[in-house]
Amino acid sequence: MRRLLLVLVVVAACVTPATAANGPVHVNGGGRGTVDGVNAFSQFGFQVSQAADGSVHGHFNCLMAGSSRFDPFTLMAVRGEVTSLSISGGMATFEGSGTLQTGNQGKSPATFRVVVTEGGPGVGTLQLTASTVLGLVVLPTEDVLTGHISVG
């Protein structure tokens, strides 16, 4: 009986944490970001999922145009598919590849790295870095102006 109990305890210790730790996780958000607390800097949307087997799927879109124009461009957009995800507490980092569009200057292939923190207006944050044939584009950390970011 003691032997059976010992086996059950060992099996439970090995199986339960792995199942909980490898469960699916989701990071998503959308809204407008700000760097000055008042004016919109970008419009963003993303959804990233990591399955229990570790595979990552998702998409990312960040647009700076119109009221959130990014000088010197009339339009700047980074879009693409997410291929990796790392979460630590209420912060997530995800990476992927897609395109950088700069208005009349066209599109070019790009890779991107996004760091987000969970929360709504004044709490959540987003920071985008894109690498393209034009070079490295590092945008400032934005606070969520409208919308929400969820991590977990």
Protein backbone atom coordinates (compact mmCIF):
# COMPACT_ATOMS: atom_id res chain seq x y z
CA MET A 1 0.00 0.00 0.00
CA ARG A 2 2.82 2.42 0.87
CA ARG A 3 4.52 1.59 -2.39
CA LEU A 4 1.33 2.34 -4.36
CA LEU A 5 0.88 5.63 -2.51
CA LEU A 6 4.49 6.59 -3.24
CA VAL A 7 4.03 5.82 -6.95
CA LEU A 8 0.84 7.92 -7.07
CA VAL A 9 2.53 10.87 -5.37
CA VAL A 10 5.49 10.74 -7.77
CA VAL A 11 3.22 10.47 -10.83
CA ALA A 12 1.04 13.36 -9.63
CA ALA A 13 4.10 15.54 -8.99
CA CYS A 14 5.44 14.84 -12.47
CA VAL A 15 2.21 15.19 -14.43
CA THR A 16 0.29 18.01 -12.77
CA PRO A 17 2.89 20.82 -12.97
CA ALA A 18 3.77 20.01 -16.57
CA THR A 19 0.13 20.16 -17.62
CA ALA A 20 -0.46 23.47 -15.86
CA ALA A 21 2.79 25.03 -17.07
CA ASN A 22 2.27 23.98 -20.69
CA GLY A 23 -1.38 24.99 -20.97
CA PRO A 24 -2.40 27.39 -23.73
CA VAL A 25 -1.70 31.08 -23.14
CA HIS A 26 -3.04 34.11 -24.95
CA VAL A 27 -1.79 37.67 -25.35
CA ASN A 28 -4.07 40.12 -27.09
CA GLY A 29 -4.87 43.76 -27.28
CA GLY A 30 -6.02 46.64 -29.33
CA GLY A 31 -6.44 50.37 -29.12
CA ARG A 32 -4.42 53.52 -29.42
CA GLY A 33 -1.07 54.28 -27.83
CA THR A 34 0.38 57.59 -26.69
CA VAL A 35 3.85 58.87 -25.86
CA ASP A 36 2.73 62.18 -24.34
CA GLY A 37 -0.34 61.03 -22.41
CA VAL A 38 -2.72 63.08 -24.59
CA ASN A 39 -2.23 62.55 -28.33
CA ALA A 40 -2.49 59.26 -30.19
CA PHE A 41 0.84 57.93 -31.49
CA SER A 42 -0.31 54.62 -32.99
CA GLN A 43 -3.26 52.35 -33.50
CA PHE A 44 -2.47 48.73 -32.66
CA GLY A 45 -4.04 45.31 -32.61
CA PHE A 46 -2.61 41.85 -31.94
CA GLN A 47 -3.57 38.34 -30.95
CA VAL A 48 -0.98 35.72 -30.00
CA SER A 49 -1.61 32.18 -28.75
CA GLN A 50 0.83 29.58 -27.51
CA ALA A 51 -0.51 26.02 -27.51
CA ALA A 52 0.30 23.37 -24.92
CA ASP A 53 2.87 21.90 -27.34
CA GLY A 54 4.74 25.26 -27.42
CA SER A 55 3.71 26.28 -30.94
CA VAL A 56 2.94 29.98 -31.37
CA HIS A 57 0.43 31.53 -33.75
CA GLY A 58 -0.79 35.07 -34.07
CA HIS A 59 -0.76 38.38 -35.86
CA PHE A 60 0.32 41.95 -35.15
CA ASN A 61 -0.68 45.26 -36.74
CA CYS A 62 0.54 48.74 -35.81
CA LEU A 63 -0.52 51.77 -37.84
CA MET A 64 0.66 55.35 -37.61
CA ALA A 65 -1.40 57.47 -40.00
CA GLY A 66 -3.97 60.25 -39.96
CA SER A 67 -4.27 61.57 -36.42
CA SER A 68 -1.40 59.32 -35.33
CA ARG A 69 0.99 60.16 -38.14
CA PHE A 70 4.68 59.36 -37.66
CA ASP A 71 6.89 62.03 -39.26
CA PRO A 72 8.46 62.06 -41.80
CA PHE A 73 6.02 59.51 -43.24
CA THR A 74 2.39 60.15 -44.17
CA LEU A 75 1.76 56.54 -43.21
CA MET A 76 3.80 53.93 -41.42
CA ALA A 77 2.54 50.43 -40.70
CA VAL A 78 4.14 47.25 -39.40
CA ARG A 79 2.13 44.06 -39.97
CA GLY A 80 2.89 40.40 -39.76
CA GLU A 81 2.62 36.93 -38.32
CA VAL A 82 3.88 36.22 -34.81
CA THR A 83 6.24 33.24 -34.44
CA SER A 84 7.56 33.41 -30.86
CA LEU A 85 6.22 34.41 -27.45
CA SER A 86 7.71 34.84 -23.99
CA ILE A 87 5.69 35.80 -20.90
CA SER A 88 6.91 36.96 -17.52
CA GLY A 89 4.22 38.06 -15.10
CA GLY A 90 2.10 40.77 -16.74
CA MET A 91 4.70 41.37 -19.48
CA ALA A 92 4.97 39.61 -22.83
CA THR A 93 7.50 39.77 -25.65
CA PHE A 94 6.60 38.45 -29.06
CA GLU A 95 8.40 38.43 -32.39
CA GLY A 96 7.55 37.73 -35.99
CA SER A 97 7.94 38.75 -39.59
CA GLY A 98 5.88 40.68 -42.10
CA THR A 99 6.10 44.06 -43.79
CA LEU A 100 6.89 47.69 -43.09
CA GLN A 101 4.84 50.07 -45.20
CA THR A 102 5.84 53.71 -45.47
CA GLY A 103 3.14 55.33 -47.59
CA ASN A 104 4.25 56.28 -51.07
CA GLN A 105 7.68 54.78 -50.39
CA GLY A 106 6.19 51.29 -50.59
CA LYS A 107 6.56 48.11 -48.59
CA SER A 108 9.60 46.18 -47.51
CA PRO A 109 10.06 42.90 -45.62
CA ALA A 110 10.46 43.37 -41.88
CA THR A 111 10.92 41.46 -38.67
CA PHE A 112 9.51 42.88 -35.48
CA ARG A 113 9.78 42.57 -31.72
CA VAL A 114 7.01 43.85 -29.47
CA VAL A 115 7.09 44.16 -25.68
CA VAL A 116 3.75 44.74 -23.97
CA THR A 117 2.54 45.07 -20.40
CA GLU A 118 -0.97 44.25 -19.34
CA GLY A 119 -3.52 46.95 -18.67
CA GLY A 120 -5.84 49.60 -19.98
CA PRO A 121 -5.42 53.38 -20.36
CA GLY A 122 -2.42 54.74 -18.46
CA VAL A 123 -1.39 51.25 -17.30
CA GLY A 124 -0.70 49.02 -20.32
CA THR A 125 2.31 49.67 -22.55
CA LEU A 126 3.58 48.70 -25.99
CA GLN A 127 7.07 49.07 -27.46
CA LEU A 128 7.81 48.13 -31.08
CA THR A 129 11.16 47.53 -32.75
CA ALA A 130 11.25 46.65 -36.47
CA SER A 131 14.21 45.60 -38.56
CA THR A 132 14.04 46.26 -42.30
CA VAL A 133 16.28 46.86 -45.30
CA LEU A 134 15.98 50.54 -44.30
CA GLY A 135 17.59 49.74 -40.93
CA LEU A 136 16.41 49.36 -37.37
CA VAL A 137 13.28 51.29 -36.38
CA VAL A 138 12.95 51.61 -32.60
CA LEU A 139 9.76 53.35 -31.54
CA PRO A 140 9.28 54.84 -28.09
CA THR A 141 7.35 52.97 -25.40
CA GLU A 142 3.71 53.91 -25.64
CA ASP A 143 1.11 53.96 -22.87
CA VAL A 144 -2.33 52.65 -23.75
CA LEU A 145 -4.49 55.71 -24.47
CA THR A 146 -7.65 53.77 -25.35
CA GLY A 147 -8.19 50.02 -25.42
CA HIS A 148 -6.64 47.23 -23.39
CA ILE A 149 -3.80 44.67 -23.40
CA SER A 150 -4.29 41.22 -21.83
CA VAL A 151 -1.42 38.86 -20.94
CA GLY A 152 -1.96 35.28 -19.80
